[in-house]
């Protein structure tokens, strides 16, 4: 029961990344990068990524957790960079954040689906 749920989570992450990518590339909109909530979210994502990375010990979904942890660390780091960079670099970094989440969703979904078919 755990693997179909993990696959669904990876699909949601890929869709979220696609939405962020669409916001950055097509509509050129992004949230207020100087809001305190942006800083709190980026730090929370980095903490969550570190916990996820170190939690992956010998489980069936070891590589999914490792990739997820590294990706969350990178997304949190990109969000922290967005706070301090000049305005010209905000949209490319926001698009990179979305693209990173799309790649994580695709890679995680492939790894989880491989595990789902291997169990049967």
C-alpha atoms as a PDB file:
ATOM      1  CA  UNK A   1       0.000   0.000   0.000  1.00  0.00           C
ATOM      2  CA  UNK A   2       2.945   2.306   0.597  1.00  0.00           C
ATOM      3  CA  UNK A   3       4.342   2.238  -2.950  1.00  0.00           C
ATOM      4  CA  UNK A   4       1.182   3.413  -4.791  1.00  0.00           C
ATOM      5  CA  UNK A   5       0.944   6.309  -2.331  1.00  0.00           C
ATOM      6  CA  UNK A   6       4.592   7.203  -2.906  1.00  0.00           C
ATOM      7  CA  UNK A   7       4.008   7.089  -6.664  1.00  0.00           C
ATOM      8  CA  UNK A   8       1.040   9.452  -6.267  1.00  0.00           C
ATOM      9  CA  UNK A   9       3.195  11.830  -4.188  1.00  0.00           C
ATOM     10  CA  UNK A  10       5.873  11.850  -6.889  1.00  0.00           C
ATOM     11  CA  UNK A  11       3.246  12.632  -9.542  1.00  0.00           C
ATOM     12  CA  UNK A  12       1.957  15.518  -7.416  1.00  0.00           C
ATOM     13  CA  UNK A  13       5.508  16.861  -7.048  1.00  0.00           C
ATOM     14  CA  UNK A  14       6.033  16.681 -10.807  1.00  0.00           C
ATOM     15  CA  UNK A  15       2.764  18.577 -11.346  1.00  0.00           C
ATOM     16  CA  UNK A  16       3.734  21.170  -8.736  1.00  0.00           C
ATOM     17  CA  UNK A  17       7.091  21.639 -10.446  1.00  0.00           C
ATOM     18  CA  UNK A  18       5.344  21.974 -13.785  1.00  0.00           C
ATOM     19  CA  UNK A  19       3.052  24.626 -12.353  1.00  0.00           C
ATOM     20  CA  UNK A  20       6.014  26.568 -10.941  1.00  0.00           C
ATOM     21  CA  UNK A  21       7.817  26.242 -14.266  1.00  0.00           C
ATOM     22  CA  UNK A  22       4.715  27.477 -16.090  1.00  0.00           C
ATOM     23  CA  UNK A  23       4.413  30.457 -13.719  1.00  0.00           C
ATOM     24  CA  UNK A  24       8.023  31.416 -14.324  1.00  0.00           C
ATOM     25  CA  UNK A  25       8.285  30.879 -18.068  1.00  0.00           C
ATOM     26  CA  UNK A  26       4.830  31.693 -19.435  1.00  0.00           C
ATOM     27  CA  UNK A  27       3.172  34.121 -17.062  1.00  0.00           C
ATOM     28  CA  UNK A  28       6.354  35.654 -15.560  1.00  0.00           C
ATOM     29  CA  UNK A  29       4.788  35.671 -12.083  1.00  0.00           C
ATOM     30  CA  UNK A  30       6.392  34.679  -8.829  1.00  0.00           C
ATOM     31  CA  UNK A  31       5.619  35.159  -5.130  1.00  0.00           C
ATOM     32  CA  UNK A  32       7.002  37.982  -3.036  1.00  0.00           C
ATOM     33  CA  UNK A  33      10.570  36.895  -2.479  1.00  0.00           C
ATOM     34  CA  UNK A  34      11.130  39.234   0.470  1.00  0.00           C
ATOM     35  CA  UNK A  35       8.197  37.943   2.516  1.00  0.00           C
ATOM     36  CA  UNK A  36       9.100  36.219   5.788  1.00  0.00           C
ATOM     37  CA  UNK A  37       7.055  33.201   4.708  1.00  0.00           C
ATOM     38  CA  UNK A  38       9.404  32.697   1.720  1.00  0.00           C
ATOM     39  CA  UNK A  39      12.388  32.493   4.079  1.00  0.00           C
ATOM     40  CA  UNK A  40      10.580  30.168   6.477  1.00  0.00           C
ATOM     41  CA  UNK A  41       9.486  27.881   3.638  1.00  0.00           C
ATOM     42  CA  UNK A  42      12.994  27.677   2.204  1.00  0.00           C
ATOM     43  CA  UNK A  43      14.489  26.791   5.584  1.00  0.00           C
ATOM     44  CA  UNK A  44      11.721  24.266   6.255  1.00  0.00           C
ATOM     45  CA  UNK A  45      12.352  22.614   2.879  1.00  0.00           C
ATOM     46  CA  UNK A  46      16.061  22.357   3.618  1.00  0.00           C
ATOM     47  CA  UNK A  47      15.408  20.797   7.042  1.00  0.00           C
ATOM     48  CA  UNK A  48      12.853  18.411   5.554  1.00  0.00           C
ATOM     49  CA  UNK A  49      15.355  17.491   2.840  1.00  0.00           C
ATOM     50  CA  UNK A  50      18.088  16.734   5.370  1.00  0.00           C
ATOM     51  CA  UNK A  51      15.723  14.578   7.428  1.00  0.00           C
ATOM     52  CA  UNK A  52      14.540  12.726   4.326  1.00  0.00           C
ATOM     53  CA  UNK A  53      18.109  12.173   3.121  1.00  0.00           C
ATOM     54  CA  UNK A  54      19.335  10.716   6.400  1.00  0.00           C
ATOM     55  CA  UNK A  55      16.154   8.707   7.014  1.00  0.00           C
ATOM     56  CA  UNK A  56      16.842   6.468   3.986  1.00  0.00           C
ATOM     57  CA  UNK A  57      18.519   3.522   5.620  1.00  0.00           C
ATOM     58  CA  UNK A  58      18.004   0.157   4.029  1.00  0.00           C
ATOM     59  CA  UNK A  59      14.384   0.734   3.123  1.00  0.00           C
ATOM     60  CA  UNK A  60      12.817  -0.531  -0.091  1.00  0.00           C
ATOM     61  CA  UNK A  61      12.687   3.015  -1.383  1.00  0.00           C
ATOM     62  CA  UNK A  62      16.240   3.994  -0.463  1.00  0.00           C
ATOM     63  CA  UNK A  63      17.051   5.863  -3.667  1.00  0.00           C
ATOM     64  CA  UNK A  64      13.671   7.608  -3.756  1.00  0.00           C
ATOM     65  CA  UNK A  65      14.356   9.022  -0.299  1.00  0.00           C
ATOM     66  CA  UNK A  66      17.929   9.991  -1.194  1.00  0.00           C
ATOM     67  CA  UNK A  67      16.878  11.755  -4.395  1.00  0.00           C
ATOM     68  CA  UNK A  68      13.990  13.409  -2.573  1.00  0.00           C
ATOM     69  CA  UNK A  69      16.234  14.662   0.208  1.00  0.00           C
ATOM     70  CA  UNK A  70      18.844  16.096  -2.129  1.00  0.00           C
ATOM     71  CA  UNK A  71      16.149  17.720  -4.252  1.00  0.00           C
ATOM     72  CA  UNK A  72      14.490  19.362  -1.266  1.00  0.00           C
ATOM     73  CA  UNK A  73      17.864  20.650  -0.097  1.00  0.00           C
ATOM     74  CA  UNK A  74      18.527  22.116  -3.550  1.00  0.00           C
ATOM     75  CA  UNK A  75      15.044  23.635  -3.852  1.00  0.00           C
ATOM     76  CA  UNK A  76      15.409  25.245  -0.417  1.00  0.00           C
ATOM     77  CA  UNK A  77      18.841  26.542  -1.401  1.00  0.00           C
ATOM     78  CA  UNK A  78      17.495  27.984  -4.648  1.00  0.00           C
ATOM     79  CA  UNK A  79      14.715  29.670  -2.726  1.00  0.00           C
ATOM     80  CA  UNK A  80      17.265  31.195  -0.362  1.00  0.00           C
ATOM     81  CA  UNK A  81      19.278  32.404  -3.349  1.00  0.00           C
ATOM     82  CA  UNK A  82      16.175  34.004  -4.872  1.00  0.00           C
ATOM     83  CA  UNK A  83      15.917  36.270  -1.815  1.00  0.00           C
ATOM     84  CA  UNK A  84      19.352  37.825  -2.391  1.00  0.00           C
ATOM     85  CA  UNK A  85      19.970  37.835  -6.163  1.00  0.00           C
ATOM     86  CA  UNK A  86      19.312  40.822  -8.454  1.00  0.00           C
ATOM     87  CA  UNK A  87      15.874  40.967 -10.012  1.00  0.00           C
ATOM     88  CA  UNK A  88      17.126  39.802 -13.424  1.00  0.00           C
ATOM     89  CA  UNK A  89      18.023  36.391 -11.998  1.00  0.00           C
ATOM     90  CA  UNK A  90      14.776  35.758 -10.110  1.00  0.00           C
ATOM     91  CA  UNK A  91      12.769  34.249 -12.976  1.00  0.00           C
ATOM     92  CA  UNK A  92      15.545  31.880 -14.155  1.00  0.00           C
ATOM     93  CA  UNK A  93      16.076  30.649 -10.581  1.00  0.00           C
ATOM     94  CA  UNK A  94      12.323  30.264 -10.064  1.00  0.00           C
ATOM     95  CA  UNK A  95      12.141  28.284 -13.312  1.00  0.00           C
ATOM     96  CA  UNK A  96      15.088  26.144 -12.172  1.00  0.00           C
ATOM     97  CA  UNK A  97      13.203  25.398  -8.959  1.00  0.00           C
ATOM     98  CA  UNK A  98      10.197  24.186 -10.931  1.00  0.00           C
ATOM     99  CA  UNK A  99      12.347  22.193 -13.336  1.00  0.00           C
ATOM    100  CA  UNK A 100      14.140  20.525 -10.443  1.00  0.00           C
ATOM    101  CA  UNK A 101      10.814  19.452  -8.930  1.00  0.00           C
ATOM    102  CA  UNK A 102       9.648  18.099 -12.300  1.00  0.00           C
ATOM    103  CA  UNK A 103      12.840  16.055 -12.648  1.00  0.00           C
ATOM    104  CA  UNK A 104      12.496  14.779  -9.090  1.00  0.00           C
ATOM    105  CA  UNK A 105       8.895  13.744  -9.750  1.00  0.00           C
ATOM    106  CA  UNK A 106       9.836  11.887 -12.921  1.00  0.00           C
ATOM    107  CA  UNK A 107      12.866  10.161 -11.374  1.00  0.00           C
ATOM    108  CA  UNK A 108      11.044   9.300  -8.159  1.00  0.00           C
ATOM    109  CA  UNK A 109       8.009   8.047 -10.042  1.00  0.00           C
ATOM    110  CA  UNK A 110      10.198   5.821 -12.202  1.00  0.00           C
ATOM    111  CA  UNK A 111      12.001   4.399  -9.162  1.00  0.00           C
ATOM    112  CA  UNK A 112       8.783   3.807  -7.225  1.00  0.00           C
ATOM    113  CA  UNK A 113       7.015   2.214 -10.187  1.00  0.00           C
ATOM    114  CA  UNK A 114      10.000  -0.080 -10.700  1.00  0.00           C
ATOM    115  CA  UNK A 115       9.611  -1.148  -7.061  1.00  0.00           C
ATOM    116  CA  UNK A 116       5.869  -1.668  -7.459  1.00  0.00           C
ATOM    117  CA  UNK A 117       6.353  -4.076 -10.348  1.00  0.00           C
ATOM    118  CA  UNK A 118       9.199  -5.884  -8.614  1.00  0.00           C
ATOM    119  CA  UNK A 119       7.064  -6.710  -5.544  1.00  0.00           C
ATOM    120  CA  UNK A 120       4.474  -8.774  -7.413  1.00  0.00           C
END
